[in-house]
Amino acid sequence: MQLCIFNPEHDLCLAKGRAHYVPPRSAVEFARRDASLMSVLYPEAECCSVYDLSCNQALMATEVVTWGWNAVVRHELQKRGVDVALLPTDEEIDTIRELQHRSTVLPLQEDCHEVRSIECMESLLKSCEHWVLKAPWSGAGRGLRWVHGSLTPIDRDWIVKTVANQRCVIAEPRRDVVADLALEYMSGYFMGYSYFKTDSGVYKENVMWTDARIVETFHETALLQTKAHIEEWLAANVWPRYRGPLGVDLMVDARGQTFVSEINFRHTMGMVAHEKINQQ
């Protein structure tokens, strides 16, 4: 039996980095309420949250898929009786966590910087007044701060704490974003595109457009060039170390330029939307 675990608390668990972290109640309730999302991607599987997994399901599992792998979900599945041979090793979990650190994608990000001190950020503000600061382990719009002109006391405190806990802060120039897209992959195979909406960097919803419409609308040549560059980098730096779902988020600005925003080493809502479109 293929067992699919919906754990949307994945990004929070990765940020904590320990097996015994307890996610917020709201995240657990979301996992329990919307576990059927996984059935869109795996229609023949048993889909549930890890917190609703029965002993019978755990013992019958011959394959396990999760929204994303982290130390918490691995620990919870093992505790509930899933065969440890079906789960990634501690070393594989560590690799996923390290890849998810936002510094991994810096080679693909124009004008983005790894900030390790207040002085470094103040130096960047001399060349550009508007920045988005990102915690290295965060996703779906969490762990963001918007800086304009100078650092407030709250900004300074946040930078110091984030550097202490996550090694650095990623500083990205504030761009005139008109659209958010993603490239969706499974173990090196390109699944397709997705188009989604955000509000101040926070994911809101996917727009149900086909791949053809997305490519036609958002400057086909530029988009395909960006995709080719990303795939060359993934082939050299990611696929030798990681096999599984992966989404590359892109931003399109008012001039039609495309920038890499982040990479998610997990399933994404864009994958779910893309599969729904294919099923229509």
Protein backbone atom coordinates (compact mmCIF):
# COMPACT_ATOMS: atom_id res chain seq x y z
CA MET A 1 0.00 0.00 0.00
CA GLN A 2 1.27 3.47 -0.88
CA LEU A 3 0.88 5.80 2.09
CA CYS A 4 0.77 9.58 1.43
CA ILE A 5 1.22 11.95 4.34
CA PHE A 6 0.08 15.56 4.07
CA ASN A 7 2.31 17.63 6.36
CA PRO A 8 1.97 21.32 5.38
CA GLU A 9 3.81 22.14 8.63
CA HIS A 10 6.95 20.92 6.82
CA ASP A 11 8.63 24.34 6.43
CA LEU A 12 8.21 25.08 10.14
CA CYS A 13 9.68 21.69 11.05
CA LEU A 14 12.67 22.20 8.75
CA ALA A 15 13.36 25.58 10.32
CA LYS A 16 13.47 24.04 13.80
CA GLY A 17 15.62 21.13 12.61
CA ARG A 18 14.83 18.74 15.44
CA ALA A 19 12.70 15.60 15.58
CA HIS A 20 10.73 16.50 18.70
CA TYR A 21 9.36 19.88 17.58
CA VAL A 22 5.58 20.27 18.08
CA PRO A 23 3.95 22.30 15.25
CA PRO A 24 1.28 24.93 16.03
CA ARG A 25 -2.26 23.66 16.41
CA SER A 26 -3.38 25.63 13.34
CA ALA A 27 -0.84 23.76 11.16
CA VAL A 28 -1.95 20.39 12.54
CA GLU A 29 -5.62 21.22 11.94
CA PHE A 30 -4.82 22.27 8.36
CA ALA A 31 -3.04 18.95 7.79
CA ARG A 32 -6.00 16.98 9.10
CA ARG A 33 -8.61 19.02 7.23
CA ASP A 34 -6.96 19.06 3.80
CA ALA A 35 -5.11 15.74 3.61
CA SER A 36 -7.16 14.89 0.52
CA LEU A 37 -4.97 17.33 -1.45
CA MET A 38 -2.40 14.54 -1.68
CA SER A 39 -4.94 12.30 -3.41
CA VAL A 40 -4.86 14.66 -6.41
CA LEU A 41 -1.22 13.70 -6.92
CA TYR A 42 -1.53 10.10 -5.72
CA PRO A 43 -5.11 8.95 -6.44
CA GLU A 44 -4.49 5.28 -5.62
CA ALA A 45 -2.83 5.95 -2.26
CA GLU A 46 -4.03 6.11 1.33
CA CYS A 47 -3.80 9.83 2.19
CA CYS A 48 -3.91 11.32 5.69
CA SER A 49 -2.04 13.54 8.12
CA VAL A 50 0.59 11.85 10.26
CA TYR A 51 -1.53 12.65 13.32
CA ASP A 52 -4.46 10.61 11.96
CA LEU A 53 -2.37 7.64 10.82
CA SER A 54 -3.75 4.36 12.17
CA CYS A 55 -1.61 1.41 13.28
CA ASN A 56 -3.15 -0.69 10.51
CA GLN A 57 -2.20 1.86 7.83
CA ALA A 58 1.32 2.13 9.23
CA LEU A 59 1.87 -1.64 9.21
CA MET A 60 0.42 -2.10 5.71
CA ALA A 61 2.53 0.60 4.07
CA THR A 62 4.94 -0.61 1.40
CA GLU A 63 5.83 2.90 0.18
CA VAL A 64 5.66 6.27 1.94
CA VAL A 65 5.34 9.70 0.32
CA THR A 66 5.10 12.96 2.25
CA TRP A 67 4.40 16.57 1.33
CA GLY A 68 8.00 17.10 2.45
CA TRP A 69 10.56 15.10 4.41
CA ASN A 70 11.91 16.42 7.70
CA ALA A 71 13.04 15.01 11.03
CA VAL A 72 9.63 15.51 12.67
CA VAL A 73 7.55 13.55 10.14
CA ARG A 74 10.18 10.80 10.00
CA HIS A 75 10.09 10.47 13.81
CA GLU A 76 6.28 10.48 13.93
CA LEU A 77 5.97 7.81 11.21
CA GLN A 78 8.54 5.58 12.87
CA LYS A 79 6.80 6.03 16.25
CA ARG A 80 3.51 4.93 14.70
CA GLY A 81 4.97 1.71 13.34
CA VAL A 82 6.00 2.45 9.75
CA ASP A 83 8.90 0.24 8.67
CA VAL A 84 12.08 2.29 9.06
CA ALA A 85 13.34 0.86 5.75
CA LEU A 86 10.62 2.91 4.01
CA LEU A 87 11.84 6.16 5.54
CA PRO A 88 14.79 8.39 4.58
CA THR A 89 17.87 8.15 6.75
CA ASP A 90 18.98 10.90 9.13
CA GLU A 91 21.70 11.79 6.63
CA GLU A 92 19.16 12.15 3.81
CA ILE A 93 16.98 14.37 6.01
CA ASP A 94 20.03 16.52 6.81
CA THR A 95 20.77 16.86 3.07
CA ILE A 96 17.21 18.02 2.34
CA ARG A 97 17.37 20.57 5.16
CA GLU A 98 20.72 21.90 3.97
CA LEU A 99 19.50 22.18 0.37
CA GLN A 100 16.40 24.06 1.55
CA HIS A 101 18.57 26.75 3.19
CA ARG A 102 18.04 29.83 0.99
CA SER A 103 21.77 30.28 0.51
CA THR A 104 21.67 27.21 -1.76
CA VAL A 105 19.91 29.10 -4.53
CA LEU A 106 22.03 32.28 -4.38
CA PRO A 107 24.01 31.30 -7.54
CA LEU A 108 20.72 31.66 -9.45
CA GLN A 109 19.68 34.96 -7.88
CA GLU A 110 20.84 38.23 -9.37
CA ASP A 111 21.89 40.91 -6.86
CA CYS A 112 20.92 38.85 -3.80
CA HIS A 113 23.24 38.67 -0.80
CA GLU A 114 24.01 36.56 2.26
CA VAL A 115 23.96 38.95 5.24
CA ARG A 116 25.75 37.99 8.46
CA SER A 117 25.81 41.32 10.32
CA ILE A 118 24.01 44.63 10.81
CA GLU A 119 27.01 46.38 9.24
CA CYS A 120 26.69 44.29 6.08
CA MET A 121 23.00 45.19 5.73
CA GLU A 122 23.67 48.87 6.31
CA SER A 123 26.28 48.77 3.56
CA LEU A 124 23.74 47.27 1.15
CA LEU A 125 21.25 50.02 2.01
CA LYS A 126 23.73 52.59 0.69
CA SER A 127 23.43 51.13 -2.82
CA CYS A 128 19.69 50.30 -2.75
CA GLU A 129 17.01 51.59 -0.38
CA HIS A 130 14.42 48.83 -0.74
CA TRP A 131 15.11 45.22 0.26
CA VAL A 132 13.25 42.07 1.19
CA LEU A 133 14.99 40.19 4.00
CA LYS A 134 14.37 36.45 4.17
CA ALA A 135 15.05 33.92 6.89
CA PRO A 136 17.00 31.07 5.23
CA TRP A 137 14.65 28.35 6.50
CA SER A 138 11.17 29.63 5.79
CA GLY A 139 8.56 29.33 3.08
CA ALA A 140 5.12 30.32 1.78
CA GLY A 141 5.71 33.95 2.68
CA ARG A 142 6.86 33.35 6.26
CA GLY A 143 10.14 34.72 7.59
CA LEU A 144 10.10 37.89 5.48
CA ARG A 145 10.85 41.50 6.41
CA TRP A 146 10.52 44.55 4.16
CA VAL A 147 13.21 47.19 4.67
CA HIS A 148 12.91 50.74 3.32
CA GLY A 149 15.80 53.19 3.59
CA SER A 150 17.10 52.26 7.02
CA LEU A 151 16.88 49.57 9.67
CA THR A 152 14.41 49.94 12.51
CA PRO A 153 15.24 48.56 15.99
CA ILE A 154 12.89 45.64 15.22
CA ASP A 155 14.72 44.97 11.94
CA ARG A 156 18.05 44.94 13.76
CA ASP A 157 16.80 42.57 16.43
CA TRP A 158 15.31 40.25 13.81
CA ILE A 159 18.56 40.17 11.81
CA VAL A 160 20.67 39.38 14.88
CA LYS A 161 18.35 36.58 16.01
CA THR A 162 17.98 35.08 12.54
CA VAL A 163 21.74 35.07 11.93
CA ALA A 164 22.26 33.41 15.34
CA ASN A 165 19.68 30.70 14.61
CA GLN A 166 20.02 30.21 10.84
CA ARG A 167 23.58 31.36 10.03
CA CYS A 168 22.57 34.37 7.90
CA VAL A 169 19.79 36.47 6.37
CA ILE A 170 19.18 36.61 2.62
CA ALA A 171 18.76 40.15 1.25
CA GLU A 172 16.89 40.48 -2.04
CA PRO A 173 16.27 43.77 -3.88
CA ARG A 174 12.62 44.78 -3.87
CA ARG A 175 11.38 44.15 -7.41
CA ASP A 176 8.38 45.45 -9.32
CA VAL A 177 6.72 42.04 -9.47
CA VAL A 178 3.71 41.59 -11.73
CA ALA A 179 3.42 37.79 -11.64
CA ASP A 180 4.61 34.75 -9.68
CA LEU A 181 5.31 31.53 -11.56
CA ALA A 182 6.88 28.18 -10.70
CA LEU A 183 8.65 25.34 -12.44
CA GLU A 184 7.52 21.99 -11.02
CA TYR A 185 9.79 18.91 -11.04
CA MET A 186 9.81 15.33 -9.82
CA SER A 187 13.27 13.74 -9.48
CA GLY A 188 14.68 15.61 -12.45
CA TYR A 189 11.56 15.32 -14.62
CA PHE A 190 9.85 18.59 -15.55
CA MET A 191 6.16 18.29 -14.66
CA GLY A 192 5.09 21.72 -15.90
CA TYR A 193 4.46 25.32 -14.91
CA SER A 194 2.21 26.89 -12.33
CA TYR A 195 0.97 30.46 -11.93
CA PHE A 196 0.02 31.71 -8.49
CA LYS A 197 -0.91 34.87 -6.62
CA THR A 198 0.72 36.36 -3.55
CA ASP A 199 0.12 39.27 -1.20
CA SER A 200 3.34 40.88 0.12
CA GLY A 201 5.15 37.63 -0.58
CA VAL A 202 2.55 35.42 1.09
CA TYR A 203 1.04 32.66 -1.08
CA LYS A 204 -2.69 33.12 -1.69
CA GLU A 205 -3.85 30.82 -4.49
CA ASN A 206 -3.01 29.21 -7.79
CA VAL A 207 -4.44 30.42 -11.08
CA MET A 208 -5.74 27.50 -13.13
CA TRP A 209 -3.89 28.16 -16.39
CA THR A 210 -2.42 25.57 -18.73
CA ASP A 211 1.30 25.41 -19.46
CA ALA A 212 0.70 26.73 -22.96
CA ARG A 213 -1.15 29.79 -21.69
CA ILE A 214 1.53 30.54 -19.08
CA VAL A 215 4.37 30.35 -21.60
CA GLU A 216 2.47 32.42 -24.15
CA THR A 217 1.54 35.11 -21.61
CA PHE A 218 4.84 35.56 -19.79
CA HIS A 219 7.38 36.24 -22.52
CA GLU A 220 8.08 32.80 -23.95
CA THR A 221 11.71 33.38 -24.95
CA ALA A 222 12.79 34.86 -21.60
CA LEU A 223 10.92 32.19 -19.63
CA LEU A 224 12.42 29.32 -21.61
CA GLN A 225 15.92 30.78 -21.28
CA THR A 226 15.46 31.05 -17.52
CA LYS A 227 14.16 27.47 -17.37
CA ALA A 228 17.17 26.15 -19.34
CA HIS A 229 19.61 27.96 -17.04
CA ILE A 230 17.88 26.63 -13.92
CA GLU A 231 17.82 23.07 -15.24
CA GLU A 232 21.52 23.17 -16.02
CA TRP A 233 22.20 24.28 -12.44
CA LEU A 234 19.84 21.66 -10.97
CA ALA A 235 21.53 18.90 -12.98
CA ALA A 236 24.93 19.86 -11.62
CA ASN A 237 24.05 20.77 -8.03
CA VAL A 238 20.79 19.18 -6.93
CA TRP A 239 19.78 15.97 -8.72
CA PRO A 240 22.99 14.14 -7.76
CA ARG A 241 22.03 14.74 -4.10
CA TYR A 242 18.24 14.73 -4.04
CA ARG A 243 15.42 12.76 -5.67
CA GLY A 244 11.86 13.87 -5.10
CA PRO A 245 9.44 16.77 -5.64
CA LEU A 246 10.88 20.22 -6.22
CA GLY A 247 9.38 23.59 -7.13
CA VAL A 248 11.32 26.63 -8.34
CA ASP A 249 9.43 29.87 -7.68
CA LEU A 250 9.96 32.71 -10.16
CA MET A 251 9.07 36.40 -10.22
CA VAL A 252 8.27 38.32 -13.40
CA ASP A 253 8.74 42.09 -13.25
CA ALA A 254 7.08 44.88 -15.23
CA ARG A 255 9.82 44.73 -17.88
CA GLY A 256 9.26 41.04 -18.47
CA GLN A 257 12.44 39.95 -16.71
CA THR A 258 12.32 36.70 -14.77
CA PHE A 259 14.05 36.17 -11.42
CA VAL A 260 14.41 33.11 -9.18
CA SER A 261 12.68 33.63 -5.83
CA GLU A 262 13.22 30.32 -4.03
CA ILE A 263 13.38 26.54 -4.39
CA ASN A 264 11.10 24.26 -2.38
CA PHE A 265 12.35 20.72 -1.86
CA ARG A 266 8.86 19.31 -1.34
CA HIS A 267 5.49 19.03 -3.06
CA THR A 268 3.77 22.34 -3.81
CA MET A 269 0.29 23.71 -4.37
CA GLY A 270 1.43 24.41 -7.92
CA MET A 271 1.87 20.67 -8.48
CA VAL A 272 -1.63 20.06 -7.17
CA ALA A 273 -3.06 22.78 -9.44
CA HIS A 274 -1.13 21.47 -12.45
CA GLU A 275 -2.47 17.95 -11.91
CA LYS A 276 -6.03 19.23 -11.51
CA ILE A 277 -5.74 21.05 -14.84
CA ASN A 278 -4.51 17.85 -16.52
CA GLN A 279 -7.46 15.93 -15.10
CA GLN A 280 -10.03 18.37 -16.48
